[in-house]
Amino acid sequence: MTAKVDIVGILFIVWGLLTTLVGVSTLALGIGAVAVIASTARGGGGDVAAGLTAFAFTALAIMAMTWGAAHVIVGAPLRRHRPWSRLAALMLGAVDLLLLPYGTALGVYAIWILLNEDAKKLFQPVPSP
């Protein structure tokens, strides 16, 4: 079971890094839309559309980078069997179910592994002497 939990941790880290990369790419699109606004001297509907596009891309980029960072932050302690990381991974995995198709696969696998009784035992706090 330890190997399966480690795989879930690795998948969380990979998913987080890829999601962060998508966020950075989307941020570049937002910056490009801002450049369009700055390059046009005339007013009108083009500025409004470019401003709306810049806002949308920037907001999506921030959400993607935050979501990716959360997966990386949870994935590493999950591999070290920190008790809090199991609950955090279950919460992230539940939301990942909505992100078709890869997030759904990750969410199902994470929930399936982390709700297993043997996996629960790995995350029990160690009593202090």
C-alpha atoms as a PDB file:
ATOM      1  CA  MET A   1       0.000   0.000   0.000  1.00  0.00           C
ATOM      2  CA  THR A   2       2.949   2.328   0.638  1.00  0.00           C
ATOM      3  CA  ALA A   3       3.894   2.192  -3.044  1.00  0.00           C
ATOM      4  CA  LYS A   4       0.353   3.106  -4.116  1.00  0.00           C
ATOM      5  CA  VAL A   5       0.254   6.076  -1.754  1.00  0.00           C
ATOM      6  CA  ASP A   6       3.643   7.170  -3.110  1.00  0.00           C
ATOM      7  CA  ILE A   7       2.250   6.964  -6.643  1.00  0.00           C
ATOM      8  CA  VAL A   8      -0.683   9.164  -5.624  1.00  0.00           C
ATOM      9  CA  GLY A   9       1.793  11.679  -4.180  1.00  0.00           C
ATOM     10  CA  ILE A  10       3.873  11.655  -7.352  1.00  0.00           C
ATOM     11  CA  LEU A  11       0.749  12.052  -9.497  1.00  0.00           C
ATOM     12  CA  PHE A  12      -0.335  15.012  -7.370  1.00  0.00           C
ATOM     13  CA  ILE A  13       3.055  16.656  -7.850  1.00  0.00           C
ATOM     14  CA  VAL A  14       3.064  16.040 -11.618  1.00  0.00           C
ATOM     15  CA  TRP A  15      -0.543  17.229 -11.957  1.00  0.00           C
ATOM     16  CA  GLY A  16       0.294  20.327  -9.921  1.00  0.00           C
ATOM     17  CA  LEU A  17       3.345  21.178 -12.010  1.00  0.00           C
ATOM     18  CA  LEU A  18       1.428  20.722 -15.268  1.00  0.00           C
ATOM     19  CA  THR A  19      -1.475  22.820 -14.004  1.00  0.00           C
ATOM     20  CA  THR A  20       0.942  25.541 -12.915  1.00  0.00           C
ATOM     21  CA  LEU A  21       2.526  25.458 -16.377  1.00  0.00           C
ATOM     22  CA  VAL A  22      -0.905  25.920 -17.954  1.00  0.00           C
ATOM     23  CA  GLY A  23      -1.490  28.833 -15.583  1.00  0.00           C
ATOM     24  CA  VAL A  24       1.773  30.505 -16.583  1.00  0.00           C
ATOM     25  CA  SER A  25       0.895  30.049 -20.257  1.00  0.00           C
ATOM     26  CA  THR A  26      -2.537  31.551 -19.695  1.00  0.00           C
ATOM     27  CA  LEU A  27      -0.958  34.461 -17.857  1.00  0.00           C
ATOM     28  CA  ALA A  28       1.165  35.094 -20.949  1.00  0.00           C
ATOM     29  CA  LEU A  29      -2.054  35.351 -22.971  1.00  0.00           C
ATOM     30  CA  GLY A  30      -3.410  37.859 -20.464  1.00  0.00           C
ATOM     31  CA  ILE A  31      -0.244  39.912 -20.751  1.00  0.00           C
ATOM     32  CA  GLY A  32      -0.625  39.768 -24.536  1.00  0.00           C
ATOM     33  CA  ALA A  33      -4.140  41.168 -24.242  1.00  0.00           C
ATOM     34  CA  VAL A  34      -2.811  43.990 -22.084  1.00  0.00           C
ATOM     35  CA  ALA A  35      -0.204  44.660 -24.783  1.00  0.00           C
ATOM     36  CA  VAL A  36      -3.023  44.961 -27.338  1.00  0.00           C
ATOM     37  CA  ILE A  37      -4.705  47.549 -25.132  1.00  0.00           C
ATOM     38  CA  ALA A  38      -1.462  49.492 -24.743  1.00  0.00           C
ATOM     39  CA  SER A  39      -0.686  49.412 -28.466  1.00  0.00           C
ATOM     40  CA  THR A  40      -4.022  50.780 -29.624  1.00  0.00           C
ATOM     41  CA  ALA A  41      -4.316  54.524 -29.273  1.00  0.00           C
ATOM     42  CA  ARG A  42      -7.926  54.684 -30.376  1.00  0.00           C
ATOM     43  CA  GLY A  43     -10.809  54.061 -27.980  1.00  0.00           C
ATOM     44  CA  GLY A  44     -13.915  52.021 -28.544  1.00  0.00           C
ATOM     45  CA  GLY A  45     -15.108  48.445 -28.340  1.00  0.00           C
ATOM     46  CA  GLY A  46     -11.713  46.935 -29.067  1.00  0.00           C
ATOM     47  CA  ASP A  47     -10.332  48.255 -25.801  1.00  0.00           C
ATOM     48  CA  VAL A  48     -13.278  46.881 -23.853  1.00  0.00           C
ATOM     49  CA  ALA A  49     -12.976  43.455 -25.475  1.00  0.00           C
ATOM     50  CA  ALA A  50      -9.226  43.335 -24.923  1.00  0.00           C
ATOM     51  CA  GLY A  51      -9.679  44.460 -21.321  1.00  0.00           C
ATOM     52  CA  LEU A  52     -12.258  41.760 -20.694  1.00  0.00           C
ATOM     53  CA  THR A  53      -9.994  39.182 -22.322  1.00  0.00           C
ATOM     54  CA  ALA A  54      -7.021  40.303 -20.242  1.00  0.00           C
ATOM     55  CA  PHE A  55      -9.079  40.070 -17.057  1.00  0.00           C
ATOM     56  CA  ALA A  56     -10.444  36.614 -17.927  1.00  0.00           C
ATOM     57  CA  PHE A  57      -7.049  35.178 -18.845  1.00  0.00           C
ATOM     58  CA  THR A  58      -5.394  36.656 -15.776  1.00  0.00           C
ATOM     59  CA  ALA A  59      -8.108  35.353 -13.439  1.00  0.00           C
ATOM     60  CA  LEU A  60      -7.937  31.862 -14.975  1.00  0.00           C
ATOM     61  CA  ALA A  61      -4.136  31.924 -14.763  1.00  0.00           C
ATOM     62  CA  ILE A  62      -4.186  32.811 -11.076  1.00  0.00           C
ATOM     63  CA  MET A  63      -6.708  30.039 -10.364  1.00  0.00           C
ATOM     64  CA  ALA A  64      -4.661  27.463 -12.301  1.00  0.00           C
ATOM     65  CA  MET A  65      -1.395  28.419 -10.638  1.00  0.00           C
ATOM     66  CA  THR A  66      -3.018  28.333  -7.190  1.00  0.00           C
ATOM     67  CA  TRP A  67      -4.633  24.955  -7.900  1.00  0.00           C
ATOM     68  CA  GLY A  68      -1.345  23.549  -9.176  1.00  0.00           C
ATOM     69  CA  ALA A  69       0.605  24.860  -6.199  1.00  0.00           C
ATOM     70  CA  ALA A  70      -1.927  23.280  -3.827  1.00  0.00           C
ATOM     71  CA  HIS A  71      -1.343  19.883  -5.448  1.00  0.00           C
ATOM     72  CA  VAL A  72       2.432  20.190  -5.171  1.00  0.00           C
ATOM     73  CA  ILE A  73       2.167  21.365  -1.549  1.00  0.00           C
ATOM     74  CA  VAL A  74      -0.005  18.338  -0.686  1.00  0.00           C
ATOM     75  CA  GLY A  75       1.777  15.784  -2.893  1.00  0.00           C
ATOM     76  CA  ALA A  76       5.175  15.964  -1.217  1.00  0.00           C
ATOM     77  CA  PRO A  77       3.928  15.452   2.395  1.00  0.00           C
ATOM     78  CA  LEU A  78       1.560  12.754   1.130  1.00  0.00           C
ATOM     79  CA  ARG A  79       4.594  10.715   0.120  1.00  0.00           C
ATOM     80  CA  ARG A  80       5.989  11.169   3.665  1.00  0.00           C
ATOM     81  CA  HIS A  81       2.646  10.011   5.141  1.00  0.00           C
ATOM     82  CA  ARG A  82       1.894  13.197   7.047  1.00  0.00           C
ATOM     83  CA  PRO A  83      -1.531  12.778   8.699  1.00  0.00           C
ATOM     84  CA  TRP A  84      -2.931  16.118   7.462  1.00  0.00           C
ATOM     85  CA  SER A  85      -1.923  15.433   3.850  1.00  0.00           C
ATOM     86  CA  ARG A  86      -4.336  12.518   3.470  1.00  0.00           C
ATOM     87  CA  LEU A  87      -7.360  14.680   4.259  1.00  0.00           C
ATOM     88  CA  ALA A  88      -6.068  17.499   2.047  1.00  0.00           C
ATOM     89  CA  ALA A  89      -5.467  15.062  -0.820  1.00  0.00           C
ATOM     90  CA  LEU A  90      -8.979  13.667  -0.439  1.00  0.00           C
ATOM     91  CA  MET A  91     -10.423  17.187  -0.647  1.00  0.00           C
ATOM     92  CA  LEU A  92      -8.339  18.074  -3.705  1.00  0.00           C
ATOM     93  CA  GLY A  93      -9.158  14.722  -5.310  1.00  0.00           C
ATOM     94  CA  ALA A  94     -12.880  15.295  -4.795  1.00  0.00           C
ATOM     95  CA  VAL A  95     -12.689  18.601  -6.669  1.00  0.00           C
ATOM     96  CA  ASP A  96     -10.432  17.036  -9.319  1.00  0.00           C
ATOM     97  CA  LEU A  97     -13.337  14.763 -10.217  1.00  0.00           C
ATOM     98  CA  LEU A  98     -14.848  17.740 -12.061  1.00  0.00           C
ATOM     99  CA  LEU A  99     -11.776  18.310 -14.246  1.00  0.00           C
ATOM    100  CA  LEU A 100     -12.361  15.955 -17.164  1.00  0.00           C
ATOM    101  CA  PRO A 101     -10.652  13.692 -18.189  1.00  0.00           C
ATOM    102  CA  TYR A 102      -7.298  13.628 -16.371  1.00  0.00           C
ATOM    103  CA  GLY A 103      -8.455  15.280 -13.165  1.00  0.00           C
ATOM    104  CA  THR A 104     -11.291  12.775 -12.950  1.00  0.00           C
ATOM    105  CA  ALA A 105      -8.872   9.868 -13.274  1.00  0.00           C
ATOM    106  CA  LEU A 106      -6.552  11.360 -10.644  1.00  0.00           C
ATOM    107  CA  GLY A 107      -9.454  12.084  -8.301  1.00  0.00           C
ATOM    108  CA  VAL A 108     -10.906   8.584  -8.574  1.00  0.00           C
ATOM    109  CA  TYR A 109      -7.531   6.942  -8.030  1.00  0.00           C
ATOM    110  CA  ALA A 110      -6.615   9.198  -5.096  1.00  0.00           C
ATOM    111  CA  ILE A 111      -9.942   8.657  -3.360  1.00  0.00           C
ATOM    112  CA  TRP A 112      -9.852   4.907  -4.006  1.00  0.00           C
ATOM    113  CA  ILE A 113      -6.344   4.532  -2.564  1.00  0.00           C
ATOM    114  CA  LEU A 114      -6.599   6.987   0.336  1.00  0.00           C
ATOM    115  CA  LEU A 115      -9.916   5.620   1.641  1.00  0.00           C
ATOM    116  CA  ASN A 116      -8.480   2.106   1.821  1.00  0.00           C
ATOM    117  CA  GLU A 117      -8.135   0.849   5.406  1.00  0.00           C
ATOM    118  CA  ASP A 118      -4.477  -0.107   4.891  1.00  0.00           C
ATOM    119  CA  ALA A 119      -3.707   3.400   3.638  1.00  0.00           C
ATOM    120  CA  LYS A 120      -5.455   4.954   6.630  1.00  0.00           C
ATOM    121  CA  LYS A 121      -3.052   3.058   8.912  1.00  0.00           C
ATOM    122  CA  LEU A 122      -0.056   4.656   7.157  1.00  0.00           C
ATOM    123  CA  PHE A 123      -1.264   8.110   8.183  1.00  0.00           C
ATOM    124  CA  GLN A 124      -1.814   7.426  11.880  1.00  0.00           C
ATOM    125  CA  PRO A 125       0.156   9.871  14.031  1.00  0.00           C
ATOM    126  CA  VAL A 126       3.137   8.357  15.777  1.00  0.00           C
ATOM    127  CA  PRO A 127       2.676   8.536  19.574  1.00  0.00           C
ATOM    128  CA  SER A 128       5.381  10.421  21.402  1.00  0.00           C
ATOM    129  CA  PRO A 129       7.304   8.556  24.131  1.00  0.00           C
END
